[in-house]
């Protein structure tokens, strides 16, 4: 079967979705059939959760400001009409094809697809994991996003010390550490 998130052909889609993307099959099916929230609200929520996890205020532009700058124009950049496209793409961390796709969808009045939303969520999770890894000193860290925890373990050498199950008053938590 083909994964609608990453396009991989897998015999066991349930296992693939759970291990590669960190979501249940129910979440996967819901995201494919019903769609997910719009990209800016997902990014805002994830950025807020990243701030909670890392306790660092991001110095990047907010998703709402990013959207305003892209579609309404930013006074800061309106003055530089010869600004190279590469600097724009680098600033917003998108490829030219992603920009074209989002622009076509925006102009056509369509929402961002579930596949795009999940891919963007994974991309942001990897970025958050890198930031956490770069700022890690010692001891244990608490992570509340499965994608971020998975990326820290798989790509940055962290080990899961303990998982704390979700309760009525708290979210699921992964306690990670890393040998320096």
N, C-alpha and C. Protein backbone atom coordinates (compact mmCIF):
# COMPACT_ATOMS: atom_id res chain seq x y z
N UNK A 1 0.84 -1.18 0.00
CA UNK A 1 0.00 0.00 0.00
C UNK A 1 0.88 1.24 0.00
N UNK A 2 0.37 2.29 -0.56
CA UNK A 2 1.12 3.54 -0.65
C UNK A 2 0.75 4.45 0.52
N UNK A 3 1.77 4.97 1.18
CA UNK A 3 1.56 5.93 2.27
C UNK A 3 1.26 7.29 1.66
N UNK A 4 0.14 7.88 2.04
CA UNK A 4 -0.27 9.18 1.51
C UNK A 4 0.55 10.33 2.10
N UNK A 5 1.32 10.07 3.14
CA UNK A 5 2.13 11.12 3.76
C UNK A 5 3.46 11.28 3.04
N UNK A 6 4.19 10.15 2.89
CA UNK A 6 5.53 10.24 2.31
C UNK A 6 5.65 9.56 0.95
N UNK A 7 4.61 8.85 0.53
CA UNK A 7 4.63 8.22 -0.78
C UNK A 7 5.30 6.85 -0.82
N UNK A 8 5.77 6.36 0.33
CA UNK A 8 6.46 5.07 0.38
C UNK A 8 5.47 3.93 0.15
N UNK A 9 5.93 2.91 -0.58
CA UNK A 9 5.14 1.70 -0.79
C UNK A 9 5.49 0.74 0.33
N UNK A 10 4.51 0.37 1.14
CA UNK A 10 4.73 -0.51 2.29
C UNK A 10 3.70 -1.63 2.32
N UNK A 11 4.14 -2.82 2.74
CA UNK A 11 3.22 -3.94 2.89
C UNK A 11 2.36 -3.76 4.13
N UNK A 12 2.96 -3.26 5.20
CA UNK A 12 2.26 -3.07 6.46
C UNK A 12 2.14 -1.57 6.73
N UNK A 13 1.11 -0.95 6.19
CA UNK A 13 0.93 0.49 6.31
C UNK A 13 0.71 0.91 7.75
N UNK A 14 0.03 0.09 8.53
CA UNK A 14 -0.24 0.43 9.94
C UNK A 14 1.08 0.59 10.70
N UNK A 15 1.98 -0.37 10.54
CA UNK A 15 3.28 -0.31 11.21
C UNK A 15 4.09 0.88 10.71
N UNK A 16 4.09 1.09 9.40
CA UNK A 16 4.84 2.20 8.80
C UNK A 16 4.36 3.54 9.36
N UNK A 17 3.06 3.75 9.37
CA UNK A 17 2.50 5.03 9.83
C UNK A 17 2.84 5.25 11.31
N UNK A 18 2.76 4.19 12.10
CA UNK A 18 3.05 4.32 13.53
C UNK A 18 4.53 4.60 13.78
N UNK A 19 5.43 3.87 13.10
CA UNK A 19 6.86 4.02 13.38
C UNK A 19 7.49 5.20 12.65
N UNK A 20 7.16 5.39 11.40
CA UNK A 20 7.78 6.46 10.61
C UNK A 20 7.19 7.83 10.92
N UNK A 21 5.86 7.90 11.08
CA UNK A 21 5.20 9.19 11.23
C UNK A 21 4.70 9.46 12.64
N UNK A 22 4.74 8.45 13.50
CA UNK A 22 4.38 8.64 14.90
C UNK A 22 2.91 8.93 15.15
N UNK A 23 2.04 8.43 14.27
CA UNK A 23 0.61 8.63 14.46
C UNK A 23 -0.10 7.29 14.34
N UNK A 24 -1.27 7.22 14.94
CA UNK A 24 -2.05 5.98 14.86
C UNK A 24 -2.71 5.89 13.48
N UNK A 25 -3.19 4.70 13.16
CA UNK A 25 -3.88 4.51 11.88
C UNK A 25 -5.16 5.33 11.84
N UNK A 26 -5.82 5.47 13.00
CA UNK A 26 -7.03 6.29 13.04
C UNK A 26 -6.72 7.74 12.71
N UNK A 27 -5.60 8.26 13.28
CA UNK A 27 -5.19 9.64 12.98
C UNK A 27 -4.84 9.78 11.50
N UNK A 28 -4.13 8.78 10.97
CA UNK A 28 -3.75 8.79 9.56
C UNK A 28 -5.00 8.84 8.67
N UNK A 29 -5.95 7.94 8.93
CA UNK A 29 -7.16 7.89 8.11
C UNK A 29 -7.97 9.17 8.24
N UNK A 30 -8.03 9.71 9.46
CA UNK A 30 -8.78 10.96 9.66
C UNK A 30 -8.12 12.10 8.89
N UNK A 31 -6.80 12.13 8.90
CA UNK A 31 -6.10 13.21 8.21
C UNK A 31 -6.28 13.10 6.70
N UNK A 32 -6.37 11.88 6.19
CA UNK A 32 -6.54 11.69 4.75
C UNK A 32 -7.98 11.98 4.34
N UNK A 33 -8.96 11.47 5.10
CA UNK A 33 -10.36 11.60 4.68
C UNK A 33 -10.96 12.96 5.04
N UNK A 34 -10.66 13.47 6.19
CA UNK A 34 -11.29 14.71 6.63
C UNK A 34 -10.40 15.93 6.46
N UNK A 35 -9.09 15.75 6.32
CA UNK A 35 -8.17 16.87 6.27
C UNK A 35 -7.83 17.31 7.68
N UNK A 36 -6.81 18.09 7.79
CA UNK A 36 -6.39 18.56 9.10
C UNK A 36 -6.60 20.07 9.18
N UNK A 37 -6.33 20.65 10.33
CA UNK A 37 -6.49 22.10 10.50
C UNK A 37 -5.58 22.80 9.52
N UNK A 38 -5.81 24.07 9.30
CA UNK A 38 -4.99 24.80 8.35
C UNK A 38 -3.55 24.88 8.85
N UNK A 39 -2.61 25.04 7.91
CA UNK A 39 -1.18 25.02 8.20
C UNK A 39 -0.79 26.04 9.25
N UNK A 40 -1.31 27.25 9.17
CA UNK A 40 -0.86 28.27 10.12
C UNK A 40 -1.26 27.93 11.54
N UNK A 41 -2.42 27.34 11.76
CA UNK A 41 -2.82 26.99 13.13
C UNK A 41 -1.99 25.83 13.64
N UNK A 42 -1.64 24.89 12.77
CA UNK A 42 -0.78 23.78 13.18
C UNK A 42 0.60 24.31 13.55
N UNK A 43 1.15 25.18 12.70
CA UNK A 43 2.47 25.72 12.98
C UNK A 43 2.46 26.51 14.28
N UNK A 44 1.42 27.32 14.48
CA UNK A 44 1.35 28.10 15.72
C UNK A 44 1.33 27.18 16.92
N UNK A 45 0.51 26.14 16.88
CA UNK A 45 0.42 25.20 18.00
C UNK A 45 1.74 24.48 18.23
N UNK A 46 2.39 24.05 17.14
CA UNK A 46 3.65 23.34 17.29
C UNK A 46 4.75 24.27 17.79
N UNK A 47 4.76 25.50 17.30
CA UNK A 47 5.76 26.45 17.78
C UNK A 47 5.54 26.71 19.26
N UNK A 48 4.26 26.85 19.67
CA UNK A 48 3.97 27.07 21.09
C UNK A 48 4.44 25.87 21.90
N UNK A 49 4.18 24.64 21.41
CA UNK A 49 4.62 23.45 22.13
C UNK A 49 6.13 23.36 22.14
N UNK A 50 6.78 23.77 21.05
CA UNK A 50 8.24 23.76 21.02
C UNK A 50 8.80 24.73 22.06
N UNK A 51 8.16 25.87 22.21
CA UNK A 51 8.59 26.83 23.22
C UNK A 51 8.44 26.22 24.60
N UNK A 52 7.32 25.51 24.84
CA UNK A 52 7.12 24.87 26.13
C UNK A 52 8.17 23.80 26.38
N UNK A 53 8.51 23.03 25.36
CA UNK A 53 9.46 21.95 25.53
C UNK A 53 10.87 22.49 25.76
N UNK A 54 11.28 23.45 24.94
CA UNK A 54 12.66 23.92 25.02
C UNK A 54 12.83 25.10 25.95
N UNK A 55 11.73 25.72 26.33
CA UNK A 55 11.75 26.92 27.15
C UNK A 55 12.61 28.02 26.52
N UNK A 56 12.60 28.05 25.19
CA UNK A 56 13.32 29.07 24.43
C UNK A 56 12.31 29.79 23.56
N UNK A 57 12.33 31.09 23.56
CA UNK A 57 11.42 31.85 22.70
C UNK A 57 12.03 31.89 21.31
N UNK A 58 11.32 31.39 20.29
CA UNK A 58 11.90 31.38 18.95
C UNK A 58 12.11 32.79 18.43
N UNK A 59 13.24 32.99 17.74
CA UNK A 59 13.52 34.29 17.18
C UNK A 59 13.06 34.38 15.73
N UNK A 60 12.36 33.35 15.28
CA UNK A 60 11.84 33.32 13.91
C UNK A 60 10.54 34.11 13.82
N UNK A 61 10.15 34.39 12.61
CA UNK A 61 8.91 35.10 12.35
C UNK A 61 7.72 34.19 12.67
N UNK A 62 6.65 34.74 13.20
CA UNK A 62 5.48 33.93 13.55
C UNK A 62 4.76 33.48 12.28
N UNK A 63 4.00 32.39 12.35
CA UNK A 63 3.28 31.92 11.17
C UNK A 63 2.31 32.96 10.60
N UNK A 64 1.62 33.69 11.49
CA UNK A 64 0.69 34.72 11.01
C UNK A 64 1.44 35.82 10.27
N UNK A 65 2.58 36.27 10.84
CA UNK A 65 3.38 37.29 10.17
C UNK A 65 3.95 36.76 8.87
N UNK A 66 4.35 35.47 8.88
CA UNK A 66 4.87 34.85 7.66
C UNK A 66 3.81 34.88 6.57
N UNK A 67 2.57 34.51 6.95
CA UNK A 67 1.48 34.50 5.98
C UNK A 67 1.22 35.93 5.46
N UNK A 68 1.19 36.90 6.38
CA UNK A 68 0.98 38.29 5.96
C UNK A 68 2.07 38.75 5.01
N UNK A 69 3.33 38.41 5.33
CA UNK A 69 4.46 38.83 4.48
C UNK A 69 4.38 38.19 3.10
N UNK A 70 3.95 36.93 3.05
CA UNK A 70 3.90 36.25 1.76
C UNK A 70 2.78 36.79 0.89
N UNK A 71 1.57 36.92 1.48
CA UNK A 71 0.42 37.23 0.66
C UNK A 71 0.03 38.69 0.65
N UNK A 72 0.31 39.42 1.72
CA UNK A 72 -0.08 40.82 1.76
C UNK A 72 1.11 41.74 1.51
N UNK A 73 2.29 41.22 1.64
CA UNK A 73 3.48 42.04 1.45
C UNK A 73 3.95 42.61 2.77
N UNK A 74 5.23 42.62 2.95
CA UNK A 74 5.82 43.17 4.16
C UNK A 74 6.45 44.50 3.80
N UNK A 75 6.17 45.52 4.60
CA UNK A 75 6.74 46.84 4.30
C UNK A 75 8.25 46.79 4.33
N UNK A 76 8.81 45.91 5.18
CA UNK A 76 10.27 45.79 5.27
C UNK A 76 10.86 45.36 3.93
N UNK A 77 10.17 44.46 3.20
CA UNK A 77 10.71 43.95 1.96
C UNK A 77 10.11 44.61 0.73
N UNK A 78 9.04 45.36 0.90
CA UNK A 78 8.47 46.04 -0.26
C UNK A 78 9.46 47.05 -0.82
N UNK A 79 10.31 47.59 0.04
CA UNK A 79 11.29 48.57 -0.41
C UNK A 79 12.33 47.95 -1.33
N UNK A 80 12.60 46.65 -1.16
CA UNK A 80 13.62 45.97 -1.95
C UNK A 80 12.94 45.08 -2.99
N UNK A 81 12.50 45.70 -4.09
CA UNK A 81 11.80 44.93 -5.12
C UNK A 81 12.73 44.00 -5.89
N UNK A 82 14.03 44.21 -5.77
CA UNK A 82 14.99 43.34 -6.46
C UNK A 82 15.53 42.25 -5.54
N UNK A 83 14.86 42.02 -4.43
CA UNK A 83 15.30 41.00 -3.48
C UNK A 83 15.29 39.64 -4.17
N UNK A 84 16.38 38.90 -4.08
CA UNK A 84 16.44 37.59 -4.74
C UNK A 84 15.46 36.59 -4.14
N UNK A 85 14.89 35.76 -4.99
CA UNK A 85 13.94 34.75 -4.55
C UNK A 85 14.61 33.80 -3.54
N UNK A 86 15.88 33.48 -3.74
CA UNK A 86 16.59 32.56 -2.84
C UNK A 86 16.57 33.07 -1.41
N UNK A 87 16.78 34.35 -1.19
CA UNK A 87 16.78 34.86 0.19
C UNK A 87 15.38 34.75 0.79
N UNK A 88 14.35 34.95 -0.04
CA UNK A 88 12.97 34.79 0.43
C UNK A 88 12.71 33.34 0.83
N UNK A 89 13.09 32.40 -0.03
CA UNK A 89 12.89 30.99 0.25
C UNK A 89 13.66 30.55 1.49
N UNK A 90 14.89 31.04 1.63
CA UNK A 90 15.70 30.70 2.81
C UNK A 90 15.06 31.24 4.08
N UNK A 91 14.58 32.48 4.03
CA UNK A 91 13.97 33.09 5.21
C UNK A 91 12.76 32.30 5.69
N UNK A 92 11.91 31.86 4.74
CA UNK A 92 10.69 31.16 5.11
C UNK A 92 10.86 29.65 5.10
N UNK A 93 12.08 29.19 4.80
CA UNK A 93 12.42 27.78 4.84
C UNK A 93 11.46 26.93 4.02
N UNK A 94 11.26 27.35 2.78
CA UNK A 94 10.43 26.60 1.84
C UNK A 94 11.19 26.46 0.53
N UNK A 95 10.82 25.46 -0.25
CA UNK A 95 11.40 25.33 -1.57
C UNK A 95 10.55 26.13 -2.55
N UNK A 96 11.07 26.34 -3.73
CA UNK A 96 10.31 27.07 -4.74
C UNK A 96 9.04 26.32 -5.10
N UNK A 97 9.13 24.99 -5.19
CA UNK A 97 7.94 24.19 -5.51
C UNK A 97 6.89 24.29 -4.41
N UNK A 98 7.32 24.28 -3.14
CA UNK A 98 6.37 24.43 -2.04
C UNK A 98 5.68 25.79 -2.11
N UNK A 99 6.43 26.83 -2.42
CA UNK A 99 5.86 28.17 -2.55
C UNK A 99 4.85 28.21 -3.69
N UNK A 100 5.19 27.61 -4.81
CA UNK A 100 4.26 27.58 -5.95
C UNK A 100 2.98 26.84 -5.57
N UNK A 101 3.12 25.70 -4.90
CA UNK A 101 1.96 24.90 -4.51
C UNK A 101 1.05 25.67 -3.56
N UNK A 102 1.64 26.28 -2.54
CA UNK A 102 0.85 27.04 -1.56
C UNK A 102 0.17 28.22 -2.24
N UNK A 103 0.88 28.89 -3.13
CA UNK A 103 0.30 30.04 -3.83
C UNK A 103 -0.87 29.61 -4.71
N UNK A 104 -0.71 28.50 -5.44
CA UNK A 104 -1.81 27.99 -6.27
C UNK A 104 -3.02 27.64 -5.40
N UNK A 105 -2.77 26.99 -4.27
CA UNK A 105 -3.87 26.62 -3.37
C UNK A 105 -4.53 27.86 -2.79
N UNK A 106 -3.74 28.83 -2.39
CA UNK A 106 -4.27 30.05 -1.80
C UNK A 106 -5.13 30.79 -2.82
N UNK A 107 -4.60 30.97 -4.02
CA UNK A 107 -5.34 31.68 -5.06
C UNK A 107 -6.60 30.93 -5.48
N UNK A 108 -6.56 29.60 -5.42
CA UNK A 108 -7.71 28.80 -5.77
C UNK A 108 -8.71 28.64 -4.63
N UNK A 109 -8.38 29.18 -3.45
CA UNK A 109 -9.28 29.10 -2.31
C UNK A 109 -9.33 27.71 -1.67
N UNK A 110 -8.31 26.89 -1.94
CA UNK A 110 -8.29 25.54 -1.39
C UNK A 110 -7.45 25.50 -0.11
N UNK A 111 -7.78 24.55 0.75
CA UNK A 111 -6.99 24.37 1.97
C UNK A 111 -5.75 23.53 1.67
N UNK A 112 -4.81 23.56 2.58
CA UNK A 112 -3.60 22.76 2.45
C UNK A 112 -4.00 21.29 2.68
N UNK A 113 -3.47 20.39 1.86
CA UNK A 113 -3.83 18.98 1.96
C UNK A 113 -3.31 18.36 3.26
N UNK A 114 -3.94 17.27 3.65
CA UNK A 114 -3.52 16.56 4.86
C UNK A 114 -2.08 16.07 4.72
N UNK A 115 -1.72 15.60 3.54
CA UNK A 115 -0.36 15.12 3.32
C UNK A 115 0.64 16.25 3.52
N UNK A 116 0.33 17.42 2.98
CA UNK A 116 1.20 18.58 3.15
C UNK A 116 1.30 18.95 4.61
N UNK A 117 0.17 18.95 5.31
CA UNK A 117 0.17 19.31 6.73
C UNK A 117 1.05 18.37 7.53
N UNK A 118 0.93 17.06 7.30
CA UNK A 118 1.73 16.10 8.04
C UNK A 118 3.20 16.27 7.69
N UNK A 119 3.51 16.44 6.41
CA UNK A 119 4.90 16.64 6.00
C UNK A 119 5.47 17.90 6.65
N UNK A 120 4.69 18.97 6.68
CA UNK A 120 5.16 20.20 7.33
C UNK A 120 5.34 20.00 8.83
N UNK A 121 4.45 19.23 9.43
CA UNK A 121 4.55 18.94 10.87
C UNK A 121 5.84 18.17 11.15
N UNK A 122 6.16 17.18 10.32
CA UNK A 122 7.39 16.42 10.49
C UNK A 122 8.62 17.28 10.27
N UNK A 123 8.57 18.16 9.29
CA UNK A 123 9.68 19.06 9.02
C UNK A 123 9.92 19.98 10.22
N UNK A 124 8.84 20.53 10.78
CA UNK A 124 8.96 21.39 11.95
C UNK A 124 9.45 20.60 13.15
N UNK A 125 9.03 19.35 13.28
CA UNK A 125 9.49 18.50 14.38
C UNK A 125 10.99 18.27 14.29
N UNK A 126 11.49 18.03 13.09
CA UNK A 126 12.93 17.84 12.91
C UNK A 126 13.70 19.11 13.25
N UNK A 127 13.16 20.25 12.86
CA UNK A 127 13.80 21.52 13.17
C UNK A 127 13.82 21.75 14.69
N UNK A 128 12.71 21.44 15.35
CA UNK A 128 12.62 21.59 16.80
C UNK A 128 13.60 20.65 17.49
N UNK A 129 13.68 19.41 17.01
CA UNK A 129 14.61 18.44 17.59
C UNK A 129 16.05 18.91 17.45
N UNK A 130 16.39 19.48 16.31
CA UNK A 130 17.75 19.99 16.11
C UNK A 130 18.04 21.12 17.08
N UNK A 131 17.08 22.01 17.26
CA UNK A 131 17.25 23.13 18.19
C UNK A 131 17.46 22.61 19.62
N UNK A 132 16.66 21.64 20.02
CA UNK A 132 16.80 21.06 21.35
C UNK A 132 18.18 20.42 21.50
N UNK A 133 18.59 19.66 20.49
CA UNK A 133 19.88 18.98 20.53
C UNK A 133 21.03 19.99 20.61
N UNK A 134 20.94 21.06 19.83
CA UNK A 134 21.99 22.08 19.83
C UNK A 134 22.10 22.78 21.18
N UNK A 135 20.98 22.93 21.87
CA UNK A 135 20.97 23.66 23.15
C UNK A 135 21.10 22.75 24.36
N UNK A 136 21.18 21.42 24.14
CA UNK A 136 21.23 20.46 25.23
C UNK A 136 22.53 20.59 26.00
N UNK A 137 22.44 20.63 27.32
CA UNK A 137 23.62 20.70 28.19
C UNK A 137 23.87 19.34 28.83
N UNK A 138 23.04 18.95 29.78
CA UNK A 138 23.14 17.64 30.41
C UNK A 138 21.85 17.36 31.18
N UNK A 139 21.75 16.15 31.71
CA UNK A 139 20.55 15.79 32.45
C UNK A 139 19.44 15.31 31.54
N UNK A 140 18.25 15.25 32.10
CA UNK A 140 17.08 14.78 31.36
C UNK A 140 16.30 15.95 30.80
N UNK A 141 15.63 15.71 29.68
CA UNK A 141 14.73 16.71 29.12
C UNK A 141 13.36 16.07 28.93
N UNK A 142 12.32 16.88 29.08
CA UNK A 142 10.95 16.41 28.88
C UNK A 142 10.49 16.84 27.49
N UNK A 143 9.97 15.89 26.73
CA UNK A 143 9.48 16.17 25.38
C UNK A 143 8.03 15.71 25.32
N UNK A 144 7.17 16.54 24.75
CA UNK A 144 5.73 16.25 24.71
C UNK A 144 5.22 15.92 23.32
N UNK A 145 6.06 15.92 22.31
CA UNK A 145 5.66 15.60 20.94
C UNK A 145 6.36 14.32 20.51
N UNK A 146 5.59 13.34 20.05
CA UNK A 146 6.17 12.05 19.67
C UNK A 146 7.15 12.20 18.50
N UNK A 147 6.83 13.06 17.54
CA UNK A 147 7.72 13.24 16.39
C UNK A 147 9.05 13.82 16.81
N UNK A 148 9.02 14.79 17.74
CA UNK A 148 10.26 15.42 18.22
C UNK A 148 11.07 14.39 19.01
N UNK A 149 10.41 13.65 19.89
CA UNK A 149 11.11 12.63 20.68
C UNK A 149 11.74 11.58 19.76
N UNK A 150 10.98 11.11 18.78
CA UNK A 150 11.49 10.12 17.84
C UNK A 150 12.69 10.62 17.07
N UNK A 151 12.65 11.86 16.62
CA UNK A 151 13.77 12.44 15.87
C UNK A 151 14.99 12.59 16.76
N UNK A 152 14.80 13.01 18.00
CA UNK A 152 15.94 13.14 18.92
C UNK A 152 16.62 11.79 19.14
N UNK A 153 15.83 10.74 19.25
CA UNK A 153 16.38 9.40 19.47
C UNK A 153 17.05 8.89 18.19
N UNK A 154 16.36 9.01 17.06
CA UNK A 154 16.86 8.44 15.80
C UNK A 154 18.04 9.20 15.21
N UNK A 155 18.01 10.53 15.28
CA UNK A 155 19.01 11.33 14.55
C UNK A 155 20.04 12.04 15.44
N UNK A 156 19.73 12.20 16.73
CA UNK A 156 20.61 13.01 17.55
C UNK A 156 21.19 12.27 18.76
N UNK A 157 21.03 10.95 18.80
CA UNK A 157 21.69 10.15 19.81
C UNK A 157 21.11 10.21 21.22
N UNK A 158 19.89 10.67 21.37
CA UNK A 158 19.26 10.68 22.68
C UNK A 158 18.71 9.28 22.97
N UNK A 159 18.52 8.99 24.24
CA UNK A 159 17.92 7.73 24.67
C UNK A 159 16.69 8.05 25.50
N UNK A 160 15.65 7.24 25.31
CA UNK A 160 14.42 7.43 26.09
C UNK A 160 14.62 6.77 27.45
N UNK A 161 14.62 7.58 28.50
CA UNK A 161 14.80 7.10 29.85
C UNK A 161 13.48 6.54 30.38
N UNK A 162 12.39 7.23 30.05
CA UNK A 162 11.09 6.85 30.59
C UNK A 162 10.01 7.55 29.78
N UNK A 163 8.85 6.91 29.69
CA UNK A 163 7.68 7.58 29.14
C UNK A 163 6.65 7.68 30.25
N UNK A 164 6.01 8.82 30.31
CA UNK A 164 4.98 9.05 31.32
C UNK A 164 3.64 9.11 30.58
N UNK A 165 2.72 8.20 30.89
CA UNK A 165 1.45 8.16 30.16
C UNK A 165 0.61 9.42 30.35
N UNK A 166 -0.25 9.64 29.40
CA UNK A 166 -1.19 10.75 29.46
C UNK A 166 -2.18 10.51 30.59
N UNK A 167 -2.53 11.59 31.30
CA UNK A 167 -3.56 11.50 32.34
C UNK A 167 -4.63 12.54 32.03
N UNK A 168 -5.61 12.65 32.91
CA UNK A 168 -6.66 13.66 32.71
C UNK A 168 -6.11 15.08 32.76
N UNK A 169 -4.99 15.26 33.48
CA UNK A 169 -4.46 16.61 33.67
C UNK A 169 -3.14 16.86 32.97
N UNK A 170 -2.57 15.85 32.35
CA UNK A 170 -1.28 16.08 31.68
C UNK A 170 -1.19 15.29 30.38
N UNK A 171 -0.32 15.76 29.49
CA UNK A 171 -0.09 15.09 28.22
C UNK A 171 0.96 13.99 28.39
N UNK A 172 1.04 13.11 27.41
CA UNK A 172 2.08 12.08 27.42
C UNK A 172 3.43 12.77 27.34
N UNK A 173 4.41 12.21 28.04
CA UNK A 173 5.72 12.84 28.11
C UNK A 173 6.80 11.79 27.89
N UNK A 174 7.82 12.15 27.12
CA UNK A 174 8.99 11.32 26.93
C UNK A 174 10.13 12.01 27.67
N UNK A 175 10.79 11.26 28.54
CA UNK A 175 11.95 11.80 29.27
C UNK A 175 13.17 11.24 28.57
N UNK A 176 14.01 12.13 28.01
CA UNK A 176 15.17 11.74 27.23
C UNK A 176 16.44 12.23 27.88
N UNK A 177 17.54 11.54 27.59
CA UNK A 177 18.86 12.00 28.01
C UNK A 177 19.86 11.62 26.94
N UNK A 178 21.05 12.20 27.07
CA UNK A 178 22.08 11.96 26.06
C UNK A 178 23.43 11.95 26.76
N UNK A 179 24.26 11.00 26.41
CA UNK A 179 25.62 10.97 26.96
C UNK A 179 26.47 11.93 26.16
N UNK A 180 27.13 12.83 26.87
CA UNK A 180 27.97 13.83 26.18
C UNK A 180 29.38 13.35 26.00
